[in-house]
Protein backbone atom coordinates (compact mmCIF):
# COMPACT_ATOMS: atom_id res chain seq x y z
CA MET A 1 79.03 98.67 99.71
CA LYS A 2 78.90 102.89 100.01
CA ILE A 3 76.52 104.05 102.86
CA ALA A 4 75.34 107.59 102.86
CA LEU A 5 74.65 109.44 106.41
CA ASP A 6 73.25 112.26 107.53
CA ALA A 7 76.19 113.22 109.77
CA MET A 8 73.96 116.74 111.48
CA GLY A 9 70.25 114.90 112.30
CA GLY A 10 69.73 114.24 115.73
CA ASP A 11 70.52 115.76 119.17
CA HIS A 12 73.83 114.28 119.36
CA ALA A 13 75.81 115.39 115.28
CA PRO A 14 77.78 115.75 114.12
CA GLN A 15 79.62 113.74 116.74
CA ASN A 16 77.98 110.41 117.33
CA PRO A 17 77.32 110.44 113.68
CA VAL A 18 80.56 110.44 113.29
CA GLN A 19 81.77 108.82 116.14
CA GLY A 20 79.24 105.32 115.46
CA ALA A 21 81.03 106.14 111.58
CA VAL A 22 84.18 105.42 113.14
CA GLN A 23 82.97 102.29 114.47
CA ALA A 24 81.92 100.90 111.83
CA LEU A 25 84.12 101.35 109.28
CA ARG A 26 86.41 99.56 111.88
CA ASP A 27 84.10 96.40 111.47
CA PHE A 28 83.05 96.58 108.97
CA PRO A 29 85.74 96.50 105.68
CA ASP A 30 83.07 95.90 102.64
CA VAL A 31 81.37 99.85 104.04
CA GLU A 32 82.32 103.54 102.55
CA ILE A 33 80.67 105.83 104.36
CA ILE A 34 80.00 109.13 102.67
CA PHE A 35 79.52 111.57 105.41
CA VAL A 36 76.86 114.27 104.57
CA GLY A 37 77.09 117.97 105.87
CA ASP A 38 78.85 120.91 106.69
CA GLU A 39 82.14 119.68 105.97
CA THR A 40 84.40 121.65 108.21
CA LYS A 41 82.44 120.41 111.12
CA ILE A 42 82.42 116.46 110.79
CA ARG A 43 86.49 116.60 110.13
CA ALA A 44 86.35 118.70 113.45
CA GLU A 45 84.53 115.40 114.26
CA LEU A 46 87.16 112.98 112.63
CA ALA A 47 90.07 114.69 113.70
CA LYS A 48 89.08 113.99 117.48
CA HIS A 49 89.43 110.40 116.25
CA SER A 50 92.71 107.74 114.75
CA THR A 51 91.19 107.61 111.08
CA THR A 52 94.59 106.36 109.67
CA ASP A 53 93.58 103.12 108.87
CA ILE A 54 90.13 104.42 107.79
CA GLN A 55 90.58 106.99 105.81
CA SER A 56 90.55 106.24 102.33
CA ARG A 57 86.78 104.71 102.99
CA TYR A 58 85.62 107.78 104.24
CA SER A 59 84.57 111.22 101.89
CA PHE A 60 82.09 113.72 101.86
CA HIS A 61 79.20 115.48 100.68
CA HIS A 62 79.03 118.52 101.59
CA ALA A 63 75.58 120.52 102.52
CA SER A 64 75.12 123.83 104.15
CA GLN A 65 71.61 123.34 105.62
CA VAL A 66 69.94 121.13 108.56
CA VAL A 67 66.69 120.70 109.23
CA ASP A 68 65.08 121.54 112.46
CA MET A 69 61.90 119.72 114.62
CA THR A 70 60.66 122.21 114.32
CA ASP A 71 60.24 121.89 110.13
CA SER A 72 57.95 120.93 108.37
CA GLY A 73 58.56 117.29 107.29
CA LEU A 74 57.48 117.96 103.17
CA ASP A 75 58.09 121.88 104.08
CA SER A 76 61.65 120.65 104.39
CA VAL A 77 62.58 118.65 101.40
CA ARG A 78 60.68 121.82 99.33
CA ARG A 79 62.62 125.02 101.49
CA LYS A 80 65.59 123.51 102.31
CA LYS A 81 66.80 121.69 99.75
CA ASP A 82 70.58 121.60 100.89
CA SER A 83 69.91 119.50 104.03
CA SER A 84 71.74 117.18 104.84
CA VAL A 85 68.99 114.85 104.80
CA SER A 86 68.39 115.68 101.59
CA ARG A 87 71.92 115.45 100.07
CA ALA A 88 72.08 112.04 101.75
CA VAL A 89 69.09 110.73 99.84
CA ASP A 90 70.22 112.55 96.15
CA LEU A 91 73.09 110.08 96.86
CA VAL A 92 70.99 106.97 97.26
CA LYS A 93 68.66 108.24 93.89
CA ASN A 94 71.60 109.01 91.68
CA GLY A 95 73.02 105.62 92.72
CA GLU A 96 76.47 107.48 94.20
CA ALA A 97 75.37 104.89 97.49
CA ASP A 98 73.76 101.94 98.56
CA ALA A 99 71.37 103.64 101.39
CA VAL A 100 71.13 106.20 103.92
CA VAL A 101 70.84 106.82 107.73
CA SER A 102 69.74 109.35 109.29
CA ALA A 103 68.82 110.14 112.82
CA GLY A 104 67.71 113.50 112.29
CA HIS A 105 63.55 114.36 111.48
CA THR A 106 61.46 111.54 110.61
CA GLY A 107 58.91 113.53 108.59
CA ALA A 108 61.51 114.92 106.30
CA LEU A 109 63.17 111.82 105.48
CA VAL A 110 60.26 109.28 105.34
CA ALA A 111 58.67 112.77 102.80
CA ALA A 112 62.55 112.71 100.53
CA SER A 113 62.84 109.28 100.40
CA THR A 114 59.14 109.05 98.82
CA ILE A 115 59.64 112.18 96.59
CA LYS A 116 62.45 112.12 95.71
CA LEU A 117 62.93 107.93 95.38
CA ARG A 118 59.63 107.16 94.32
CA THR A 119 58.15 103.85 96.24
CA LEU A 120 58.54 100.11 93.79
CA PRO A 121 56.47 98.43 91.92
CA GLY A 122 52.72 97.52 93.91
CA ILE A 123 53.65 99.27 96.72
CA ASP A 124 52.37 102.93 97.31
CA ARG A 125 52.91 103.88 100.38
CA ALA A 126 56.21 103.07 102.51
CA ALA A 127 55.79 102.00 106.23
CA LEU A 128 59.01 102.24 109.36
CA GLY A 129 59.40 98.72 110.63
CA VAL A 130 60.47 98.41 114.13
CA LEU A 131 62.48 95.47 115.78
CA ILE A 132 61.04 95.65 119.39
CA PRO A 133 62.38 92.56 122.12
CA ALA A 134 60.02 89.33 123.47
CA ASP A 135 59.69 87.21 124.42
CA GLY A 136 61.69 84.18 122.75
CA GLY A 137 63.20 86.75 120.67
CA VAL A 138 61.48 90.58 118.47
CA PHE A 139 58.53 91.16 116.55
CA LEU A 140 59.06 93.74 114.22
CA LEU A 141 55.54 96.63 114.43
CA ILE A 142 55.00 98.47 111.00
CA ASP A 143 53.50 100.88 110.83
CA GLY A 144 55.68 102.86 113.91
CA GLY A 145 54.45 105.95 111.79
CA ALA A 146 55.40 107.29 108.84
CA ASN A 147 51.15 106.64 107.82
CA ILE A 148 48.26 108.59 110.14
CA ASP A 149 46.21 107.86 107.36
CA PRO A 150 46.55 104.79 105.31
CA THR A 151 44.40 102.95 103.76
CA PRO A 152 42.98 99.20 104.22
CA GLN A 153 44.93 97.98 101.07
CA HIS A 154 47.92 99.72 101.98
CA ILE A 155 48.00 98.04 105.55
CA VAL A 156 47.61 94.51 103.85
CA GLY A 157 51.43 96.28 101.76
CA PHE A 158 52.88 96.61 105.19
CA ALA A 159 51.89 93.65 106.52
CA VAL A 160 53.13 91.57 103.18
CA MET A 161 56.58 93.89 103.30
CA GLY A 162 56.65 93.24 107.49
CA SER A 163 57.05 90.08 106.16
CA VAL A 164 59.29 89.56 103.87
CA TYR A 165 62.12 91.66 106.07
CA TYR A 166 61.71 89.82 108.97
CA LYS A 167 61.56 86.61 107.75
CA ALA A 168 65.29 88.07 105.74
CA ILE A 169 67.04 90.03 109.40
CA VAL A 170 65.60 87.17 111.57
CA GLY A 171 66.44 83.61 108.89
CA THR A 172 63.18 82.23 109.55
CA PRO A 173 60.87 80.93 106.93
CA ASP A 174 57.66 81.95 108.47
CA ALA A 175 56.25 85.10 110.06
CA ARG A 176 53.01 85.11 111.50
CA VAL A 177 51.34 88.41 111.62
CA GLY A 178 48.45 90.08 113.60
CA LEU A 179 46.87 92.68 113.11
CA LEU A 180 47.01 95.81 116.21
CA ASN A 181 42.81 95.90 117.21
CA ILE A 182 40.91 96.20 120.97
CA GLY A 183 40.36 92.05 120.84
CA THR A 184 41.27 89.32 119.42
CA GLU A 185 37.72 88.44 118.04
CA PRO A 186 37.41 89.13 114.46
CA SER A 187 34.50 91.02 115.12
CA LYS A 188 36.26 93.23 116.70
CA GLY A 189 37.40 97.31 116.38
CA THR A 190 35.91 100.21 113.78
CA ASP A 191 35.20 100.32 110.14
CA PHE A 192 38.67 99.68 109.17
CA CYS A 193 39.76 97.39 111.00
CA LEU A 194 37.51 95.26 109.62
CA GLU A 195 37.76 95.19 106.48
CA CYS A 196 41.95 95.39 106.95
CA TYR A 197 40.94 91.54 108.85
CA LYS A 198 39.08 90.63 106.08
CA MET A 199 41.38 91.94 103.52
CA LEU A 200 44.47 90.79 105.45
CA SER A 201 42.72 87.08 105.49
CA GLU A 202 42.03 86.70 101.59
CA ALA A 203 46.24 88.19 101.42
CA PRO A 204 49.51 85.74 100.53
CA ILE A 205 50.89 85.72 103.92
CA GLN A 206 50.80 84.57 107.73
CA PHE A 207 47.68 85.96 108.93
CA ALA A 208 47.48 85.04 112.58
CA GLY A 209 44.26 87.64 113.40
CA ASN A 210 44.02 90.52 115.68
CA VAL A 211 46.26 90.88 118.77
CA GLU A 212 45.98 93.03 121.75
CA GLY A 213 48.76 95.41 122.73
CA HIS A 214 48.67 93.21 126.10
CA GLY A 215 49.05 90.16 124.59
CA ILE A 216 51.77 91.65 121.91
CA PHE A 217 54.95 90.90 123.89
CA LYS A 218 54.67 87.78 124.61
CA LYS A 219 55.23 87.28 120.79
CA PRO A 220 51.75 85.62 119.51
CA VAL A 221 52.78 86.07 115.62
CA GLU A 222 56.33 87.79 114.23
CA VAL A 223 55.02 90.92 112.87
CA VAL A 224 52.44 93.45 114.06
CA VAL A 225 50.46 95.50 111.39
CA CYS A 226 48.78 99.37 111.34
CA ASP A 227 48.44 102.46 110.28
CA GLY A 228 51.51 104.90 111.51
CA PHE A 229 49.32 106.71 113.98
CA THR A 230 48.11 103.85 116.44
CA GLY A 231 51.92 102.50 116.11
CA ASN A 232 53.10 105.62 116.76
CA ILE A 233 51.93 106.23 120.26
CA PHE A 234 52.18 102.17 120.52
CA LEU A 235 55.78 102.47 120.34
CA LYS A 236 56.65 106.28 122.65
CA THR A 237 54.30 105.19 125.39
CA VAL A 238 56.19 101.45 125.33
CA GLU A 239 59.10 104.20 125.59
CA GLY A 240 57.54 106.18 128.12
CA LEU A 241 56.30 103.70 130.24
CA ALA A 242 59.55 101.61 130.47
CA LYS A 243 61.49 105.02 131.29
CA SER A 244 59.05 105.34 134.17
CA MET A 245 59.82 101.80 135.18
CA VAL A 246 63.21 102.31 135.06
CA SER A 247 63.38 104.89 137.02
CA TRP A 248 60.29 104.20 139.87
CA ILE A 249 63.19 100.75 140.73
CA LYS A 250 66.31 103.16 141.68
CA ASP A 251 63.98 104.91 143.38
CA GLU A 252 62.09 101.73 145.18
CA ILE A 253 66.21 99.89 145.80
CA SER A 254 67.65 103.40 147.01
CA LYS A 255 65.99 103.48 149.89
CA ASN A 256 66.91 100.61 151.32
CA PRO A 257 69.71 98.89 151.92
CA ILE A 258 68.75 95.79 151.51
CA ARG A 259 67.25 96.34 149.18
CA MET A 260 70.59 98.44 147.54
CA LEU A 261 72.05 94.70 148.62
CA GLY A 262 69.70 92.27 146.26
CA ALA A 263 70.13 95.19 143.63
CA LEU A 264 74.07 94.53 143.77
CA LEU A 265 74.09 90.76 143.36
CA SER A 266 71.46 91.51 141.07
CA LYS A 267 73.16 94.02 138.34
CA GLY A 268 74.23 90.96 135.54
CA ALA A 269 70.74 90.58 135.31
CA PHE A 270 69.58 94.44 135.46
CA GLN A 271 71.93 94.49 132.78
CA ALA A 272 71.28 92.11 130.01
CA VAL A 273 67.60 92.71 129.82
CA LYS A 274 69.05 96.77 130.00
CA LYS A 275 71.02 95.99 126.90
CA ARG A 276 67.97 93.26 125.52
CA THR A 277 66.22 96.68 125.41
CA SER A 278 67.70 99.15 124.72
CA THR A 279 67.11 100.97 121.46
CA ASP A 280 71.43 100.97 120.65
CA GLU A 281 71.28 96.99 119.95
CA TYR A 282 68.94 97.57 117.29
CA GLY A 283 71.17 101.05 115.93
CA GLY A 284 67.62 101.80 113.77
CA THR A 285 64.48 101.63 111.68
CA PRO A 286 64.20 100.76 107.74
CA LEU A 287 61.72 102.83 105.41
CA LEU A 288 60.30 99.51 104.22
CA GLY A 289 58.38 100.37 100.05
CA VAL A 290 60.94 103.42 98.77
CA ASN A 291 62.80 102.76 95.75
CA GLY A 292 66.01 102.47 98.06
CA ILE A 293 67.78 101.06 101.63
CA CYS A 294 66.50 103.69 104.35
CA ILE A 295 67.20 103.49 107.34
CA LYS A 296 66.16 106.33 110.53
CA ALA A 297 67.35 105.95 113.57
CA HIS A 298 66.19 107.61 117.18
CA GLY A 299 66.73 111.11 117.31
CA ASN A 300 68.84 111.08 120.06
CA SER A 301 71.28 108.06 119.34
CA SER A 302 74.45 107.62 120.99
CA SER A 303 76.79 106.51 118.46
CA LEU A 304 76.96 102.28 118.94
CA ALA A 305 72.90 102.89 117.86
CA LEU A 306 74.49 104.97 114.01
CA ARG A 307 76.87 101.60 114.49
CA ASN A 308 74.66 99.53 114.79
CA ALA A 309 72.10 101.53 112.05
CA ILE A 310 74.77 101.51 109.23
CA ARG A 311 74.69 97.77 110.26
CA ALA A 312 71.20 97.98 109.72
CA ALA A 313 71.72 99.43 106.03
CA ARG A 314 74.20 97.19 105.21
CA ARG A 315 72.27 94.03 105.98
CA ALA A 316 68.97 95.30 103.61
CA VAL A 317 71.21 95.50 101.09
CA GLU A 318 72.84 92.62 101.87
CA LEU A 319 69.93 90.17 102.00
CA GLN A 320 68.20 92.67 98.69
CA ILE A 321 65.50 93.07 101.07
CA ASN A 322 63.74 95.51 98.19
CA SER A 323 64.27 92.73 95.79
CA ARG A 324 62.81 90.29 98.12
CA ILE A 325 59.92 92.52 98.93
CA VAL A 326 58.83 93.33 94.86
CA GLU A 327 58.53 89.21 94.54
CA ALA A 328 56.29 89.43 97.50
CA MET A 329 53.74 91.71 95.90
CA LYS A 330 52.99 90.02 92.73
CA PRO A 331 50.58 87.16 93.98
CA LEU A 332 48.75 89.95 95.56
CA HIS A 333 48.69 93.33 93.07
CA GLU A 334 47.90 90.49 90.18
CA LYS A 335 45.17 89.52 92.20
CA LEU A 336 43.78 92.78 93.03
CA SER A 337 44.57 94.03 89.20
CA SER A 338 42.64 91.67 88.21
CA ARG A 339 39.45 92.80 90.26
CA HIS A 340 40.07 96.20 88.82
CA THR A 341 41.40 97.95 91.90
CA SER A 342 44.68 99.59 92.12
CA PRO A 343 47.57 98.88 93.28
CA VAL A 344 48.40 98.18 97.11
């Protein structure tokens, strides 16, 4: 399968995207990479690696522009038509690639994918599904930031897509869905939350009711659904707290020789927790609902994270995620149509 890699996207481009791609090409013999971006810079970065064994499985698609983090996502698609992220999405649109991977501007990737690829049948809004470590495994948060003002119908669509993705990726027949809210009681929350609760209760999913932020990591459900505004704040708060906790622990340990000795003895445990909570291990976040496989990696992704983002794209193509989503949406779409409402 061919994967279009936005080689100029991210804080450490093209170094990390190229290094991650080289590792992915060695680890996944069925993958071909199309490096999209400034060909001269990409070739210079590739020259730092020994690629004799894999050079038949990568190619280049030159793009003269790069989307800056200060650019508007929608405007960047209109004004920077030759940006690496837009051209990478074009390759998927034209059938020249099976998936796109980018660590660049999230808004640009969402806008380009939505405008160029359109959404799947029965889906009106795409959403970012983020795998997060929890007790006994992982849960999926959707939406992670693609839509700040969805309707309750969109939320139901996110829940269905999240369930499909979780079941396929984790390999489980069940995926309980919880609505992120300020309380577990059905009567809690805004009018928006109340309507979401009602519609989710009637949807073809395993709806388990409301879940609160403090209880999510105990994994009461496998899929947590919310609007992108709430989801993005939640993700950034958790990420910031995790980094601060690591800094605080290091600071406290360094104050006492006995603590330092204890930390040395517990080094294995610390490393295990670090690996379990590292975004590098999950690689990238799928933009679910668009008519193509799109994986968004974190802006400061390491080469390992980019390698794993390519792995995530490969896995989504292999599992035919979009076909599964379309099939799962049919009962809901038919139900809404029979009520003379708009598709989700």
